[in-house]
Amino acid sequence: MMHSCRVLCAVFVGMLLPEAVSAEGGYRDFAQAPHDYFLRTPTDRFTRLKAEIEFGRLRLDRSDERAFVRSLLDVLGIPVSSQMLVFSTTSLQLSRISPSNPRALYFTEDIYLGYIPGGRLELASLDPDLGAVFYIFDVPRGEEAIQVERATRCMNCHAGEDTGHVPGLVVKSVVPGPSGGSLDAFRLGQTGHGIPWEERFGGWYLTGQGSLTNHWANAIGRSVDGVMARIPNSLNGRVNLERYLAPTSDLLAQWIHEHQVGFVNRVVGATYRARAFLQADGGVDRLSHASLRELEAQAGEIVRYLLFADEVPLPADGLEGDPAFKADFLRTRREAGGRSLKDFELKTRVFENRCSYMIYSPVFAGLPPVVKDLVNRRLGEALGPWSGEGIDPFAYLPMDERRRVRGILQATLPDLGPDW
């Protein structure tokens, strides 16, 4: 059901002050100790490349705007085929976004880049300890120097209600008006592969959707006598695709993006909670029963997400996916005995082996050991025969799939622990 949206990525003036963030629980004070988000030097992949880019030590094509973006994506290992186009004005650069000039988003497992023709480049990079770190910079003209700015204003949305008050990622689904401004919104504060189709894609262009029709992509809204009318808004004919790097905004790419965002926000949230509890209680050996119960609950939620417990079923005819995106996605597959967590199924579910490949990601690697040990133990239990009381919460996973997933993880993850 739609409801009024009053928290749509507003752009506030100046840097977000720590006291502007809810103080309910130490994990939400992301700018304060023990997190010190703005005081620590990030170690994410983009930050490590930042100086190389600013001092011109990386070869980037400056012949025009599109060429520069393409060459930057190449340097960052982000496939052009991951392109998604969003025309709702949910960005710092909202004045530049419209149904005829959408924002393009490109992503890999640890870096997300936003490009608006004629605008600045926005970038989110995932740090193992801090979560999402945000940058913004101009496309250089000629040989002028590139100046990359740490985008503190992004935290107004990216460390607020939508991310659980930790530095994470946001996927908005809104009903845009004719100019791109938002009339209504869906699934506020919720992300991941469990979001119903009818609450996804509002304000986004969508290609390769097959029989999937119960969503708000490719449409704008107009309120008539209190009733929201849906007006088709086609990508073809409305957008000059020559200004972009690809003609697609593929359904599979959008599914993968949604899955990753849900994973990142859950894991970063667990990291911040654990860090706050460890400081408050005086260390891992002194964690209170209440803190341990909370961390166990966090670990259980991460395991459910890793194993796709709440994945929304695919449309009746499955999901095809753009061939170029599928090829690029599989290019980074980690294999064990010919199998991988990235292998697609795409008939009734997205993956053949249902354990998220994001288990290899920097944010998962950065989980505090106390949480990672809990996750690994729960994961090992879930992938074996059910020995608990009541109904097996992972009964949807047949034993042959559990054995496949267990074998892949044992061959590709070095720190699973003695329970494996």
Protein backbone atom coordinates (compact mmCIF):
# COMPACT_ATOMS: atom_id res chain seq x y z
CA MET A 1 0.00 0.00 0.00
CA MET A 2 1.25 3.48 -0.83
CA HIS A 3 1.55 6.12 1.82
CA SER A 4 2.65 9.74 1.94
CA CYS A 5 6.38 10.18 1.68
CA ARG A 6 7.87 12.90 3.81
CA VAL A 7 11.41 11.53 4.08
CA LEU A 8 12.56 11.48 0.47
CA CYS A 9 16.31 12.04 0.47
CA ALA A 10 16.06 15.72 1.42
CA VAL A 11 19.16 17.78 0.83
CA PHE A 12 20.12 19.63 4.00
CA VAL A 13 22.64 22.43 4.02
CA GLY A 14 26.00 21.74 5.57
CA MET A 15 27.50 18.73 7.25
CA LEU A 16 25.29 16.38 9.26
CA LEU A 17 26.00 16.94 12.93
CA PRO A 18 26.22 13.91 15.24
CA GLU A 19 23.34 15.12 17.40
CA ALA A 20 21.05 15.07 14.34
CA VAL A 21 21.17 11.27 14.43
CA SER A 22 18.89 9.37 16.80
CA ALA A 23 20.70 8.58 20.04
CA GLU A 24 18.70 5.42 20.77
CA GLY A 25 21.55 2.97 21.23
CA GLY A 26 25.26 3.63 20.81
CA TYR A 27 25.40 1.93 17.43
CA ARG A 28 23.41 4.81 15.94
CA ASP A 29 25.97 7.45 16.93
CA PHE A 30 28.08 6.59 13.91
CA ALA A 31 30.16 9.78 14.13
CA GLN A 32 31.07 9.20 17.79
CA ALA A 33 33.37 6.72 19.55
CA PRO A 34 33.82 3.81 19.18
CA HIS A 35 32.85 4.21 15.50
CA ASP A 36 34.43 7.61 14.71
CA TYR A 37 33.15 7.49 11.15
CA PHE A 38 34.61 10.83 10.10
CA LEU A 39 37.85 10.51 12.09
CA ARG A 40 39.08 7.16 10.78
CA THR A 41 40.95 6.87 7.50
CA PRO A 42 38.82 4.62 5.28
CA THR A 43 40.44 1.53 3.78
CA ASP A 44 37.84 0.79 1.08
CA ARG A 45 38.97 0.11 -2.47
CA PHE A 46 38.07 3.51 -3.93
CA THR A 47 39.81 5.42 -1.13
CA ARG A 48 42.96 3.41 -1.84
CA LEU A 49 42.76 4.53 -5.50
CA LYS A 50 41.75 8.12 -4.78
CA ALA A 51 45.24 9.62 -4.79
CA GLU A 52 46.12 7.78 -8.00
CA ILE A 53 43.06 9.34 -9.68
CA GLU A 54 43.64 12.85 -8.31
CA PHE A 55 47.33 12.94 -9.30
CA GLY A 56 46.66 11.55 -12.77
CA ARG A 57 48.61 8.35 -12.28
CA LEU A 58 45.73 6.26 -13.65
CA ARG A 59 45.03 6.45 -17.37
CA LEU A 60 41.54 7.92 -17.82
CA ASP A 61 39.98 9.03 -21.12
CA ARG A 62 39.27 12.77 -20.94
CA SER A 63 38.04 13.19 -24.52
CA ASP A 64 34.43 13.67 -23.39
CA GLU A 65 32.10 13.02 -20.47
CA ARG A 66 30.93 9.55 -21.54
CA ALA A 67 34.46 8.42 -22.35
CA PHE A 68 35.67 9.54 -18.93
CA VAL A 69 32.90 7.68 -17.12
CA ARG A 70 33.53 4.54 -19.16
CA SER A 71 37.27 4.61 -18.46
CA LEU A 72 36.66 5.22 -14.74
CA LEU A 73 34.32 2.22 -14.63
CA ASP A 74 37.04 0.15 -16.29
CA VAL A 75 39.60 1.23 -13.68
CA LEU A 76 37.17 0.38 -10.87
CA GLY A 77 36.18 -2.96 -12.41
CA ILE A 78 32.51 -1.96 -12.67
CA PRO A 79 30.73 -3.41 -15.72
CA VAL A 80 28.84 -1.01 -17.99
CA SER A 81 26.19 -3.75 -18.27
CA SER A 82 25.21 -3.10 -14.65
CA GLN A 83 23.63 0.20 -15.71
CA MET A 84 20.31 1.10 -14.09
CA LEU A 85 18.40 4.30 -14.87
CA VAL A 86 16.44 6.13 -12.17
CA PHE A 87 14.40 9.28 -12.91
CA SER A 88 12.96 10.07 -9.46
CA THR A 89 14.64 13.06 -7.83
CA THR A 90 16.16 11.10 -4.94
CA SER A 91 19.72 12.39 -5.07
CA LEU A 92 21.86 15.32 -3.98
CA GLN A 93 21.66 16.48 -7.60
CA LEU A 94 17.88 16.33 -7.80
CA SER A 95 17.63 19.48 -9.93
CA ARG A 96 19.44 17.70 -12.78
CA ILE A 97 17.26 14.56 -12.73
CA SER A 98 14.03 14.16 -14.70
CA PRO A 99 12.22 11.48 -16.72
CA SER A 100 14.13 12.67 -19.78
CA ASN A 101 17.50 12.95 -17.98
CA PRO A 102 17.69 10.01 -15.54
CA ARG A 103 20.59 9.21 -13.26
CA ALA A 104 22.60 6.15 -14.32
CA LEU A 105 23.85 3.82 -11.59
CA TYR A 106 26.64 1.28 -12.08
CA PHE A 107 27.85 -1.18 -9.46
CA THR A 108 29.98 -4.08 -8.44
CA GLU A 109 30.09 -5.84 -5.08
CA ASP A 110 31.92 -3.05 -3.28
CA ILE A 111 31.61 0.17 -5.34
CA TYR A 112 28.52 2.01 -6.65
CA LEU A 113 28.82 4.92 -9.10
CA GLY A 114 26.13 7.43 -10.09
CA TYR A 115 26.31 9.47 -13.30
CA ILE A 116 23.94 12.20 -14.50
CA PRO A 117 24.71 13.69 -17.93
CA GLY A 118 25.92 17.21 -17.26
CA GLY A 119 26.27 16.57 -13.51
CA ARG A 120 28.84 15.45 -10.97
CA LEU A 121 29.87 11.85 -10.32
CA GLU A 122 28.64 10.30 -7.06
CA LEU A 123 30.36 7.27 -5.60
CA ALA A 124 29.75 4.94 -2.66
CA SER A 125 32.52 2.53 -1.68
CA LEU A 126 32.21 -0.14 1.00
CA ASP A 127 34.70 -0.09 3.86
CA PRO A 128 35.05 -3.24 6.05
CA ASP A 129 34.86 -1.26 9.31
CA LEU A 130 32.90 1.88 8.43
CA GLY A 131 30.31 0.69 5.92
CA ALA A 132 29.54 2.98 2.97
CA VAL A 133 31.92 5.89 2.31
CA PHE A 134 30.69 8.58 -0.10
CA TYR A 135 32.50 10.77 -2.62
CA ILE A 136 31.46 13.33 -5.23
CA PHE A 137 33.53 15.03 -7.95
CA ASP A 138 33.30 16.81 -11.28
CA VAL A 139 34.05 15.20 -14.61
CA PRO A 140 37.33 16.92 -15.55
CA ARG A 141 37.55 19.22 -18.55
CA GLY A 142 40.71 18.84 -20.53
CA GLU A 143 43.75 18.32 -18.33
CA GLU A 144 42.38 20.01 -15.19
CA ALA A 145 43.03 18.24 -11.91
CA ILE A 146 40.40 15.92 -10.43
CA GLN A 147 39.36 16.91 -6.91
CA VAL A 148 37.48 14.17 -5.08
CA GLU A 149 35.31 15.44 -2.20
CA ARG A 150 34.17 13.32 0.77
CA ALA A 151 30.39 13.80 0.52
CA THR A 152 29.27 14.31 4.11
CA ARG A 153 25.78 15.50 3.14
CA CYS A 154 24.99 12.01 1.84
CA MET A 155 24.73 10.88 5.46
CA ASN A 156 21.38 12.66 5.82
CA CYS A 157 19.84 9.71 3.96
CA HIS A 158 22.59 7.11 4.04
CA ALA A 159 22.87 6.95 7.82
CA GLY A 160 19.22 7.55 8.66
CA GLU A 161 15.99 5.63 8.92
CA ASP A 162 16.37 3.88 5.57
CA THR A 163 19.66 2.23 6.61
CA GLY A 164 18.95 1.58 10.29
CA HIS A 165 21.04 4.64 11.30
CA VAL A 166 24.35 3.20 10.10
CA PRO A 167 26.34 4.24 6.98
CA GLY A 168 24.66 2.08 4.35
CA LEU A 169 22.93 2.05 0.98
CA VAL A 170 19.48 3.30 0.03
CA VAL A 171 17.07 2.09 -2.66
CA LYS A 172 14.08 4.39 -3.06
CA SER A 173 10.83 3.28 -4.70
CA VAL A 174 8.51 6.21 -5.27
CA VAL A 175 5.70 7.37 -7.52
CA PRO A 176 7.24 10.31 -9.40
CA GLY A 177 5.25 13.17 -10.81
CA PRO A 178 5.75 14.40 -14.40
CA SER A 179 8.88 16.35 -13.40
CA GLY A 180 10.38 13.51 -11.34
CA GLY A 181 9.36 14.86 -7.94
CA SER A 182 7.85 12.24 -5.63
CA LEU A 183 4.12 11.95 -4.94
CA ASP A 184 4.11 8.73 -2.89
CA ALA A 185 6.61 6.14 -1.67
CA PHE A 186 6.88 2.43 -0.90
CA ARG A 187 8.89 0.19 1.46
CA LEU A 188 10.53 2.97 3.47
CA GLY A 189 13.41 1.60 5.53
CA GLN A 190 13.23 -1.83 3.89
CA THR A 191 15.68 -3.33 1.43
CA GLY A 192 16.54 -6.75 0.07
CA HIS A 193 15.34 -9.71 -1.96
CA GLY A 194 12.22 -10.09 0.20
CA ILE A 195 10.61 -6.84 -1.04
CA PRO A 196 7.40 -7.66 -2.98
CA TRP A 197 7.52 -6.85 -6.69
CA GLU A 198 4.65 -4.39 -6.40
CA GLU A 199 6.73 -2.24 -4.03
CA ARG A 200 9.82 -2.09 -6.26
CA PHE A 201 11.11 0.08 -9.10
CA GLY A 202 9.00 3.20 -8.57
CA GLY A 203 10.90 6.00 -10.29
CA TRP A 204 13.12 3.59 -12.25
CA TYR A 205 13.25 2.60 -15.88
CA LEU A 206 13.15 -1.16 -16.36
CA THR A 207 14.09 -3.31 -19.35
CA GLY A 208 14.00 -7.10 -19.77
CA GLN A 209 10.99 -7.42 -17.47
CA GLY A 210 9.24 -10.24 -19.40
CA SER A 211 5.85 -11.02 -17.91
CA LEU A 212 6.49 -9.05 -14.72
CA THR A 213 3.91 -6.26 -14.65
CA ASN A 214 2.94 -5.70 -11.00
CA HIS A 215 5.42 -2.90 -10.27
CA TRP A 216 5.76 0.87 -10.68
CA ALA A 217 8.69 1.00 -13.15
CA ASN A 218 8.34 2.92 -16.42
CA ALA A 219 5.52 5.06 -15.02
CA ILE A 220 4.75 8.40 -13.47
CA GLY A 221 1.77 9.28 -11.33
CA ARG A 222 -0.83 12.00 -11.24
CA SER A 223 -3.27 12.59 -8.40
CA VAL A 224 -6.81 13.19 -9.65
CA ASP A 225 -9.47 13.77 -6.98
CA GLY A 226 -7.35 11.93 -4.43
CA VAL A 227 -6.81 8.89 -6.66
CA MET A 228 -3.34 8.09 -8.03
CA ALA A 229 -3.46 7.60 -11.80
CA ARG A 230 -0.65 5.61 -13.44
CA ILE A 231 0.75 7.11 -16.66
CA PRO A 232 3.17 5.10 -18.84
CA ASN A 233 6.66 6.60 -19.10
CA SER A 234 8.69 4.73 -21.70
CA LEU A 235 12.48 4.75 -21.78
CA ASN A 236 12.52 4.59 -25.58
CA GLY A 237 11.60 7.91 -27.12
CA ARG A 238 11.76 9.79 -23.80
CA VAL A 239 15.51 9.47 -23.12
CA ASN A 240 18.39 10.20 -25.46
CA LEU A 241 20.26 6.95 -24.83
CA GLU A 242 23.30 8.18 -26.74
CA ARG A 243 24.15 10.20 -23.61
CA TYR A 244 24.49 6.97 -21.61
CA LEU A 245 26.84 4.00 -21.81
CA ALA A 246 24.21 1.30 -22.48
CA PRO A 247 20.58 1.13 -23.69
CA THR A 248 19.49 -1.04 -20.74
CA SER A 249 18.18 -0.82 -17.19
CA ASP A 250 17.90 -4.56 -16.79
CA LEU A 251 15.62 -6.39 -14.35
CA LEU A 252 18.34 -8.88 -13.35
CA ALA A 253 20.83 -6.09 -12.64
CA GLN A 254 18.19 -4.36 -10.50
CA TRP A 255 17.46 -7.62 -8.61
CA ILE A 256 21.17 -8.15 -7.91
CA HIS A 257 21.52 -4.54 -6.79
CA GLU A 258 18.54 -4.84 -4.41
CA HIS A 259 19.96 -8.06 -2.96
CA GLN A 260 23.35 -6.47 -2.33
CA VAL A 261 21.86 -3.37 -0.70
CA GLY A 262 19.82 -5.53 1.70
CA PHE A 263 22.90 -7.56 2.58
CA VAL A 264 25.13 -4.53 3.13
CA ASN A 265 22.67 -2.77 5.44
CA ARG A 266 22.15 -5.87 7.60
CA VAL A 267 25.85 -6.64 7.94
CA VAL A 268 26.95 -3.06 8.54
CA GLY A 269 24.20 -2.77 11.17
CA ALA A 270 25.55 -5.86 12.96
CA THR A 271 29.09 -4.45 12.83
CA TYR A 272 28.05 -1.17 14.46
CA ARG A 273 25.98 -2.91 17.14
CA ALA A 274 28.81 -5.25 18.04
CA ARG A 275 31.33 -2.43 18.25
CA ALA A 276 29.05 -0.43 20.54
CA PHE A 277 28.32 -3.43 22.79
CA LEU A 278 31.99 -4.37 23.03
CA GLN A 279 32.89 -0.88 24.17
CA ALA A 280 29.97 -0.54 26.58
CA ASP A 281 30.51 -3.97 28.19
CA GLY A 282 34.32 -3.81 28.31
CA GLY A 283 35.32 -6.41 25.74
CA VAL A 284 34.26 -9.71 24.24
CA ASP A 285 34.78 -11.68 27.45
CA ARG A 286 32.52 -9.33 29.38
CA LEU A 287 29.56 -9.07 27.02
CA SER A 288 26.28 -9.04 28.93
CA HIS A 289 23.57 -11.64 28.31
CA ALA A 290 21.44 -8.91 26.73
CA SER A 291 24.26 -7.94 24.34
CA LEU A 292 24.92 -11.56 23.41
CA ARG A 293 21.23 -12.18 22.74
CA GLU A 294 21.12 -9.14 20.47
CA LEU A 295 24.23 -10.24 18.56
CA GLU A 296 22.83 -13.77 18.24
CA ALA A 297 19.65 -12.28 16.80
CA GLN A 298 21.73 -10.24 14.34
CA ALA A 299 23.67 -13.36 13.32
CA GLY A 300 20.43 -15.27 12.81
CA GLU A 301 19.06 -12.53 10.57
CA ILE A 302 22.25 -12.49 8.50
CA VAL A 303 22.13 -16.27 8.06
CA ARG A 304 18.49 -16.12 6.93
CA TYR A 305 19.47 -13.46 4.43
CA LEU A 306 22.54 -15.35 3.24
CA LEU A 307 20.38 -18.42 2.57
CA PHE A 308 17.58 -16.49 0.79
CA ALA A 309 14.95 -17.55 3.33
CA ASP A 310 12.58 -14.74 2.33
CA GLU A 311 13.35 -14.46 -1.40
CA VAL A 312 10.33 -13.35 -3.41
CA PRO A 313 9.46 -15.96 -6.08
CA LEU A 314 10.27 -15.11 -9.66
CA PRO A 315 7.54 -14.46 -12.25
CA ALA A 316 5.87 -17.55 -13.73
CA ASP A 317 8.10 -17.50 -16.81
CA GLY A 318 11.27 -16.93 -14.78
CA LEU A 319 13.80 -14.18 -15.35
CA GLU A 320 15.97 -14.00 -18.44
CA GLY A 321 18.49 -11.24 -17.72
CA ASP A 322 20.64 -9.22 -20.07
CA PRO A 323 23.31 -11.55 -21.56
CA ALA A 324 26.06 -8.95 -21.19
CA PHE A 325 25.28 -8.42 -17.50
CA LYS A 326 25.13 -12.17 -16.83
CA ALA A 327 28.51 -12.66 -18.49
CA ASP A 328 30.09 -9.80 -16.53
CA PHE A 329 28.57 -11.01 -13.25
CA LEU A 330 29.87 -14.55 -13.73
CA ARG A 331 33.34 -13.32 -14.65
CA THR A 332 34.17 -12.92 -10.94
CA ARG A 333 32.75 -16.26 -9.86
CA ARG A 334 34.64 -18.26 -7.20
CA GLU A 335 34.52 -21.90 -8.18
CA ALA A 336 34.75 -25.13 -6.23
CA GLY A 337 34.44 -28.38 -8.15
CA GLY A 338 32.83 -26.60 -11.09
CA ARG A 339 30.19 -24.94 -8.88
CA SER A 340 29.83 -21.39 -7.59
CA LEU A 341 27.52 -19.30 -5.43
CA LYS A 342 27.07 -17.07 -8.49
CA ASP A 343 25.58 -19.77 -10.72
CA PHE A 344 22.14 -18.70 -11.94
CA GLU A 345 18.93 -20.73 -11.85
CA LEU A 346 16.48 -18.01 -13.02
CA LYS A 347 13.43 -20.26 -13.37
CA THR A 348 11.95 -20.32 -9.89
CA ARG A 349 14.72 -18.48 -8.02
CA VAL A 350 17.76 -16.43 -8.97
CA PHE A 351 20.61 -18.71 -7.85
CA GLU A 352 21.25 -22.43 -8.19
CA ASN A 353 23.13 -22.61 -4.89
CA ARG A 354 21.30 -20.50 -2.34
CA CYS A 355 23.97 -18.86 -0.24
CA SER A 356 24.84 -15.28 -1.13
CA TYR A 357 28.12 -14.61 -2.92
CA MET A 358 28.23 -11.44 -0.76
CA ILE A 359 29.74 -13.67 1.92
CA TYR A 360 33.02 -12.86 0.11
CA SER A 361 32.44 -9.07 0.32
CA PRO A 362 34.53 -6.54 2.30
CA VAL A 363 31.68 -5.73 4.68
CA PHE A 364 31.27 -9.39 5.62
CA ALA A 365 35.03 -9.74 6.05
CA GLY A 366 34.88 -6.74 8.39
CA LEU A 367 32.36 -8.25 10.79
CA PRO A 368 33.76 -8.28 14.35
CA PRO A 369 34.98 -11.82 15.18
CA VAL A 370 32.30 -12.35 17.83
CA VAL A 371 29.56 -11.82 15.20
CA LYS A 372 31.33 -13.70 12.43
CA ASP A 373 31.80 -16.72 14.71
CA LEU A 374 28.07 -16.68 15.51
CA VAL A 375 27.19 -16.41 11.82
CA ASN A 376 29.55 -19.23 10.83
CA ARG A 377 28.19 -21.52 13.54
CA ARG A 378 24.57 -20.80 12.61
CA LEU A 379 25.37 -21.22 8.94
CA GLY A 380 27.02 -24.58 9.55
CA GLU A 381 23.95 -25.74 11.50
CA ALA A 382 21.58 -24.54 8.78
CA LEU A 383 23.47 -26.42 6.07
CA GLY A 384 23.34 -29.75 7.91
CA PRO A 385 20.46 -32.05 8.87
CA TRP A 386 17.99 -30.24 11.11
CA SER A 387 18.55 -31.26 14.73
CA GLY A 388 16.60 -28.54 16.53
CA GLU A 389 13.08 -28.47 17.89
CA GLY A 390 10.04 -27.68 15.78
CA ILE A 391 10.05 -27.02 12.05
CA ASP A 392 13.34 -26.58 10.22
CA PRO A 393 13.43 -22.87 9.24
CA PHE A 394 15.49 -23.82 6.18
CA ALA A 395 13.29 -26.70 5.05
CA TYR A 396 13.06 -25.09 1.59
CA LEU A 397 16.72 -26.08 1.04
CA PRO A 398 16.96 -29.74 -0.05
CA MET A 399 19.86 -31.76 1.34
CA ASP A 400 21.67 -31.99 -1.98
CA GLU A 401 21.69 -28.20 -2.24
CA ARG A 402 22.90 -27.88 1.35
CA ARG A 403 25.76 -30.25 0.58
CA ARG A 404 26.68 -28.29 -2.55
CA VAL A 405 26.69 -24.98 -0.69
CA ARG A 406 28.69 -26.44 2.19
CA GLY A 407 31.29 -27.81 -0.23
CA ILE A 408 31.61 -24.48 -2.06
CA LEU A 409 32.07 -22.58 1.20
CA GLN A 410 34.60 -25.07 2.58
CA ALA A 411 36.66 -24.70 -0.60
CA THR A 412 36.49 -20.92 -0.91
CA LEU A 413 36.34 -19.47 2.63
CA PRO A 414 39.37 -19.97 4.89
CA ASP A 415 37.90 -18.92 8.25
CA LEU A 416 34.73 -20.94 8.75
CA GLY A 417 35.77 -22.21 12.17
CA PRO A 418 35.95 -25.64 13.86
CA ASP A 419 32.21 -26.40 13.53
CA TRP A 420 32.71 -26.90 9.82
